Amino acid sequence: MTLPENRPWRGVLVATALPLRADLSVDHDRYAEHCAWLVENGCDGVVPNGSLGEYQVLTPEERARVVETAVAAIGGERVMPGVAAYGAAEARRWAEQAAEAGCGSVMLLPPNAYRADERSVLAHYAEVARAGVPVVAYNNPIDTKVDLVPELLARLHGEGHIHGVKEFSGDVRRAYRIAELAPELDLLIGADDVLLELAVAGAKGWVAGYPNALPRASVELYRAAVAGDLTTALPLYRQLHPLLRWDSRVEFVQAIKLSMDVVGRYGGPVRPPRVPLLPEQEAAVRAATEKAAASGLA
C-alpha cells in the first residue's frame, strides 16, 4: 500500500461527540457544523464513529451518514472514521465505505466479539487492510480485553497491516518499546490524561476527546508538548487535567458532552445503555469546566 505523504492521522484528531436531538435522533446538520468548528479552532481532523461518537448504538445507515457528513464538512483527508466491528468482514465493509467516501485513513480496534488470540488479531487486521485505506490500530485492552502489546504492534506494522496506533492502555512506558521495535509506526496519544507523557515520548498525534469542548486550549497544549515547550505545556496540563482524566472514565461521553453544554456548544443527550451522570459527577464536571472557562481556556 502506498502511504500518503502527509500521514493524515498525525496532529490533533478529535474523536467527535455526536449531537443527538431530544428524541435521540442524529442531528447531522449540527454535526457538520461541529466538525467545521473544530478545524476552524486549530484541530487537524476528526474521528467519527469512535466510542465517543456512540457508534455501537447507531444503525448502519446512521453510521455511514455520519462519515459522509464529516467528509462533506471538512474534506476526506481530515476524516479518520472508526471501523470497529465484531468481525473482520464487517470491519472491512466499513473501511471500504470510508474509502468510497474519500477518507484518508481509518481507525480499527481488534475484533471485539470475544477475547481474540494473536492469530485472530493478525487475520483481522490483514483482512481490513485489504480495503486499501491506511489503518491506524486502536489499542484499548480495558474495553476489548485484547492487548496490542508492542511486540504484536511491531508484527502488524512489519506485515504492512497498520501504520499507526492509538495507544489507550495508560502505560506510557510502552511508547519507548514501540519506538524500539517499530520506529516507523506512528504513536498516537489515545487517552487525554496521559497527553504530556506520550507527547514527550515522541507521539505523532492525539486522538482526542476534550477538544470537543476546549479546542484552542487543547491544541495549544498538544503543540507545546510535542515541541518540548514544557514552560507552556506543564501549567496548561495542570489546569486541564481535572477534565482530561474524565476521558479515561466509564462516563467519558456524558462528561465531555456536559462540558460542551457548559461552554456554550451543544453536547446534548446520550443514547442508552448510557445514562445521565450522577448528580455528584455532574457537579464535578460542571465545576471543572467552569473553572477552565473562567481561566480563559474555553
Protein backbone atom coordinates (compact mmCIF):
# COMPACT_ATOMS: atom_id res chain seq x y z
CA MET A 1 0.00 0.00 0.00
CA THR A 2 1.31 3.46 -0.92
CA LEU A 3 1.14 5.78 2.06
CA PRO A 4 0.02 9.41 1.68
CA GLU A 5 2.97 11.73 2.18
CA ASN A 6 1.25 13.85 4.80
CA ARG A 7 0.08 10.92 7.00
CA PRO A 8 -3.36 12.39 7.76
CA TRP A 9 -3.62 10.67 11.14
CA ARG A 10 -0.96 12.98 12.55
CA GLY A 11 -1.80 16.03 14.65
CA VAL A 12 -4.89 16.63 16.76
CA LEU A 13 -7.76 14.46 15.52
CA VAL A 14 -10.88 14.85 17.60
CA ALA A 15 -12.91 11.77 18.43
CA THR A 16 -16.13 13.61 17.85
CA ALA A 17 -19.12 13.54 20.14
CA LEU A 18 -22.30 13.03 18.15
CA PRO A 19 -25.10 15.57 18.64
CA LEU A 20 -28.44 13.89 19.33
CA ARG A 21 -31.77 15.66 19.41
CA ALA A 22 -34.16 15.33 22.35
CA ASP A 23 -35.75 12.32 20.63
CA LEU A 24 -32.22 10.81 20.32
CA SER A 25 -32.13 11.09 16.52
CA VAL A 26 -28.84 12.24 14.99
CA ASP A 27 -28.61 15.94 14.17
CA HIS A 28 -26.40 15.75 11.08
CA ASP A 29 -26.50 19.49 10.39
CA ARG A 30 -25.24 20.24 13.87
CA TYR A 31 -22.58 17.54 13.49
CA ALA A 32 -21.31 19.09 10.25
CA GLU A 33 -21.09 22.48 11.96
CA HIS A 34 -19.20 20.92 14.87
CA CYS A 35 -16.61 19.31 12.57
CA ALA A 36 -16.03 22.61 10.78
CA TRP A 37 -15.80 24.49 14.10
CA LEU A 38 -13.12 22.12 15.39
CA VAL A 39 -10.95 22.67 12.31
CA GLU A 40 -11.52 26.43 12.49
CA ASN A 41 -10.22 26.29 16.06
CA GLY A 42 -6.96 24.57 15.16
CA CYS A 43 -7.72 20.86 15.16
CA ASP A 44 -6.32 18.83 12.27
CA GLY A 45 -9.24 16.48 11.72
CA VAL A 46 -11.94 14.31 13.22
CA VAL A 47 -12.55 10.68 14.10
CA PRO A 48 -16.25 9.88 13.68
CA ASN A 49 -17.78 6.61 14.85
CA GLY A 50 -15.45 6.07 17.78
CA SER A 51 -16.78 5.19 21.21
CA LEU A 52 -17.21 8.90 21.94
CA GLY A 53 -19.42 9.03 18.85
CA GLU A 54 -21.59 6.21 20.29
CA TYR A 55 -21.09 4.09 17.17
CA GLN A 56 -22.23 0.92 18.93
CA VAL A 57 -25.82 2.21 19.13
CA LEU A 58 -26.08 3.68 15.62
CA THR A 59 -27.90 1.99 12.80
CA PRO A 60 -25.79 1.13 9.74
CA GLU A 61 -27.48 3.95 7.85
CA GLU A 62 -26.71 6.45 10.60
CA ARG A 63 -23.13 5.28 10.87
CA ALA A 64 -22.50 5.66 7.14
CA ARG A 65 -24.11 9.08 7.02
CA VAL A 66 -22.01 10.35 9.94
CA VAL A 67 -18.87 9.64 7.88
CA GLU A 68 -20.31 11.26 4.79
CA THR A 69 -21.36 14.31 6.82
CA ALA A 70 -17.85 14.78 8.23
CA VAL A 71 -16.24 14.43 4.80
CA ALA A 72 -18.63 16.96 3.28
CA ALA A 73 -17.89 19.39 6.12
CA ILE A 74 -14.08 19.32 6.20
CA GLY A 75 -12.77 17.07 3.41
CA GLY A 76 -11.91 13.39 3.45
CA GLU A 77 -8.21 13.72 4.23
CA ARG A 78 -9.17 15.18 7.60
CA VAL A 79 -11.52 12.30 8.48
CA MET A 80 -10.39 9.02 10.07
CA PRO A 81 -13.52 7.00 10.88
CA GLY A 82 -13.63 4.24 13.42
CA VAL A 83 -14.40 0.97 11.62
CA ALA A 84 -14.65 -1.34 14.63
CA ALA A 85 -16.93 -4.35 14.33
CA TYR A 86 -17.45 -7.81 15.77
CA GLY A 87 -15.66 -9.44 12.85
CA ALA A 88 -13.26 -8.69 10.02
CA ALA A 89 -15.83 -8.89 7.22
CA GLU A 90 -17.98 -6.17 8.75
CA ALA A 91 -14.98 -4.01 9.68
CA ARG A 92 -13.67 -4.31 6.12
CA ARG A 93 -17.03 -3.15 4.77
CA TRP A 94 -16.84 -0.08 6.97
CA ALA A 95 -13.28 0.57 5.77
CA GLU A 96 -14.48 0.28 2.17
CA GLN A 97 -17.32 2.70 2.91
CA ALA A 98 -14.81 5.14 4.36
CA ALA A 99 -12.58 4.83 1.31
CA GLU A 100 -15.53 5.39 -1.02
CA ALA A 101 -16.46 8.50 0.97
CA GLY A 102 -12.93 9.83 0.41
CA CYS A 103 -11.38 9.32 3.86
CA GLY A 104 -7.60 9.33 4.17
CA SER A 105 -7.36 6.64 6.87
CA VAL A 106 -9.41 4.53 9.28
CA MET A 107 -9.06 3.50 12.91
CA LEU A 108 -9.54 -0.15 13.86
CA LEU A 109 -9.99 -1.99 17.15
CA PRO A 110 -9.20 -5.70 17.36
CA PRO A 111 -12.22 -7.97 16.83
CA ASN A 112 -14.48 -7.18 19.76
CA ALA A 113 -16.94 -10.07 19.86
CA TYR A 114 -14.64 -12.08 22.13
CA ARG A 115 -11.12 -12.08 23.57
CA ALA A 116 -9.19 -12.79 20.38
CA ASP A 117 -5.84 -14.55 20.35
CA GLU A 118 -2.82 -13.29 18.41
CA ARG A 119 -3.56 -15.27 15.26
CA SER A 120 -7.11 -13.91 15.17
CA VAL A 121 -5.86 -10.34 15.64
CA LEU A 122 -3.37 -10.70 12.80
CA ALA A 123 -6.02 -12.11 10.49
CA HIS A 124 -8.46 -9.35 11.45
CA TYR A 125 -6.06 -6.53 10.59
CA ALA A 126 -4.87 -8.26 7.43
CA GLU A 127 -8.43 -8.54 6.15
CA VAL A 128 -9.34 -4.91 6.84
CA ALA A 129 -6.08 -3.67 5.31
CA ARG A 130 -7.21 -5.24 2.04
CA ALA A 131 -9.77 -2.44 1.74
CA GLY A 132 -6.86 -0.30 0.57
CA VAL A 133 -7.12 2.59 3.05
CA PRO A 134 -4.34 3.09 5.65
CA VAL A 135 -5.23 1.58 9.02
CA VAL A 136 -4.42 3.00 12.44
CA ALA A 137 -4.78 0.36 15.16
CA TYR A 138 -6.62 1.21 18.35
CA ASN A 139 -5.29 -0.49 21.47
CA ASN A 140 -7.93 -0.41 24.20
CA PRO A 141 -7.33 -3.51 26.35
CA ILE A 142 -9.62 -2.14 29.06
CA ASP A 143 -12.74 -2.46 26.90
CA THR A 144 -11.77 -5.13 24.36
CA LYS A 145 -9.78 -7.45 26.67
CA VAL A 146 -7.30 -7.74 23.79
CA ASP A 147 -3.95 -6.08 24.38
CA LEU A 148 -1.97 -4.96 21.34
CA VAL A 149 1.38 -5.20 23.10
CA PRO A 150 4.42 -3.60 21.44
CA GLU A 151 5.65 -6.92 20.02
CA LEU A 152 2.28 -7.56 18.35
CA LEU A 153 2.08 -4.00 17.05
CA ALA A 154 5.56 -4.39 15.54
CA ARG A 155 4.44 -7.54 13.76
CA LEU A 156 1.25 -5.91 12.45
CA HIS A 157 3.30 -2.98 11.19
CA GLY A 158 6.02 -5.17 9.74
CA GLU A 159 3.45 -7.07 7.69
CA GLY A 160 2.03 -3.79 6.36
CA HIS A 161 -1.35 -4.01 8.09
CA ILE A 162 -1.11 -0.85 10.22
CA HIS A 163 0.69 2.49 10.05
CA GLY A 164 -0.09 3.97 13.45
CA VAL A 165 -1.59 3.07 16.81
CA LYS A 166 -3.90 4.92 19.13
CA GLU A 167 -2.48 3.82 22.49
CA PHE A 168 -5.07 3.72 25.29
CA SER A 169 -3.50 1.24 27.69
CA GLY A 170 -2.41 4.06 30.00
CA ASP A 171 1.07 2.54 30.22
CA VAL A 172 3.27 5.36 28.98
CA ARG A 173 6.37 3.14 29.16
CA ARG A 174 5.17 1.37 26.04
CA ALA A 175 5.99 4.40 23.90
CA TYR A 176 9.68 3.63 24.14
CA ARG A 177 9.31 -0.09 23.46
CA ILE A 178 7.13 0.60 20.41
CA ALA A 179 9.72 3.05 19.10
CA GLU A 180 12.47 0.45 19.52
CA LEU A 181 10.56 -2.38 17.84
CA ALA A 182 8.79 -0.40 15.10
CA PRO A 183 10.41 3.02 14.66
CA GLU A 184 8.25 3.87 11.62
CA LEU A 185 4.97 3.12 13.40
CA ASP A 186 3.28 6.37 14.40
CA LEU A 187 2.27 6.52 18.06
CA LEU A 188 -0.94 8.46 18.68
CA ILE A 189 -1.97 9.57 22.15
CA GLY A 190 -5.13 7.66 22.95
CA ALA A 191 -6.11 8.95 26.39
CA ASP A 192 -6.33 12.63 27.21
CA ASP A 193 -4.88 12.26 30.71
CA VAL A 194 -1.50 10.92 29.52
CA LEU A 195 -1.09 13.50 26.77
CA LEU A 196 2.02 15.18 28.13
CA GLU A 197 3.81 11.94 28.92
CA LEU A 198 3.24 10.43 25.46
CA ALA A 199 3.90 13.71 23.63
CA VAL A 200 7.31 13.99 25.30
CA ALA A 201 7.94 10.33 24.38
CA GLY A 202 7.55 11.12 20.69
CA ALA A 203 3.87 10.80 19.81
CA LYS A 204 2.94 11.99 16.32
CA GLY A 205 -0.72 12.69 17.02
CA TRP A 206 -3.56 12.75 19.51
CA VAL A 207 -6.95 11.11 19.05
CA ALA A 208 -8.57 13.48 21.47
CA GLY A 209 -11.75 13.80 23.50
CA TYR A 210 -11.77 17.12 25.31
CA PRO A 211 -11.13 19.34 22.28
CA ASN A 212 -14.84 18.77 21.61
CA ALA A 213 -15.35 21.38 24.32
CA LEU A 214 -11.99 23.19 24.57
CA PRO A 215 -10.28 23.00 21.17
CA ARG A 216 -7.99 26.03 21.27
CA ALA A 217 -6.52 25.32 24.70
CA SER A 218 -6.17 21.63 23.87
CA VAL A 219 -4.36 22.33 20.61
CA GLU A 220 -2.06 24.78 22.35
CA LEU A 221 -1.26 22.13 24.95
CA TYR A 222 -0.53 19.47 22.32
CA ARG A 223 1.64 21.72 20.15
CA ALA A 224 3.68 22.87 23.14
CA ALA A 225 4.07 19.33 24.47
CA VAL A 226 5.31 17.77 21.21
CA ALA A 227 7.69 20.72 20.76
CA GLY A 228 9.15 20.09 24.21
CA ASP A 229 7.98 23.51 25.44
CA LEU A 230 7.25 22.46 29.00
CA THR A 231 7.14 26.07 30.19
CA THR A 232 3.89 26.39 28.24
CA ALA A 233 2.67 22.80 28.36
CA LEU A 234 3.00 21.89 32.03
CA PRO A 235 0.88 24.72 33.51
CA LEU A 236 -1.79 24.10 30.84
CA TYR A 237 -1.74 20.39 31.55
CA ARG A 238 -2.22 21.01 35.26
CA GLN A 239 -5.14 23.33 34.56
CA LEU A 240 -6.86 20.95 32.16
CA HIS A 241 -6.15 17.65 33.89
CA PRO A 242 -9.26 17.69 36.13
CA LEU A 243 -11.20 17.46 32.85
CA LEU A 244 -8.79 15.39 30.78
CA ARG A 245 -8.94 12.50 33.26
CA TRP A 246 -12.65 12.06 32.54
CA ASP A 247 -11.64 10.75 29.11
CA SER A 248 -10.43 7.56 30.83
CA ARG A 249 -13.58 7.02 32.88
CA VAL A 250 -16.64 4.97 32.01
CA GLU A 251 -18.74 8.15 31.86
CA PHE A 252 -16.47 9.95 29.38
CA VAL A 253 -19.15 10.50 26.75
CA GLN A 254 -21.56 12.09 29.23
CA ALA A 255 -18.78 14.19 30.80
CA ILE A 256 -17.49 15.59 27.52
CA LYS A 257 -21.00 16.33 26.26
CA LEU A 258 -21.76 18.15 29.52
CA SER A 259 -18.59 20.23 29.20
CA MET A 260 -19.66 21.15 25.68
CA ASP A 261 -23.01 22.35 27.02
CA VAL A 262 -21.33 24.35 29.79
CA VAL A 263 -19.06 26.27 27.39
CA GLY A 264 -21.94 27.11 25.06
CA ARG A 265 -21.57 24.37 22.50
CA TYR A 266 -24.16 21.61 22.06
CA GLY A 267 -23.39 18.34 23.77
CA GLY A 268 -26.88 17.06 24.28
CA PRO A 269 -28.11 13.66 25.48
CA VAL A 270 -26.66 10.17 25.08
CA ARG A 271 -28.32 7.02 23.80
CA PRO A 272 -28.98 4.02 26.05
CA PRO A 273 -27.45 1.98 27.52
CA ARG A 274 -25.61 5.10 28.68
CA VAL A 275 -27.49 7.09 31.30
CA PRO A 276 -27.04 10.64 32.60
CA LEU A 277 -24.30 11.43 35.09
CA LEU A 278 -24.99 11.10 38.78
CA PRO A 279 -25.57 14.47 40.50
CA GLU A 280 -22.13 14.43 42.14
CA GLN A 281 -20.46 13.55 38.82
CA GLU A 282 -22.33 16.31 37.02
CA ALA A 283 -21.34 18.81 39.72
CA ALA A 284 -17.66 17.83 39.43
CA VAL A 285 -17.59 18.11 35.62
CA ARG A 286 -19.52 21.36 35.66
CA ALA A 287 -17.25 22.94 38.28
CA ALA A 288 -14.06 21.89 36.48
CA THR A 289 -15.39 23.15 33.14
CA GLU A 290 -16.50 26.47 34.59
CA LYS A 291 -13.09 26.91 36.24
CA ALA A 292 -11.34 26.24 32.92
CA ALA A 293 -13.63 28.67 31.13
CA ALA A 294 -13.06 31.35 33.78
CA SER A 295 -9.31 30.92 33.23
CA GLY A 296 -9.75 31.73 29.54
CA LEU A 297 -9.33 28.15 28.29
CA ALA A 298 -12.75 27.89 26.60
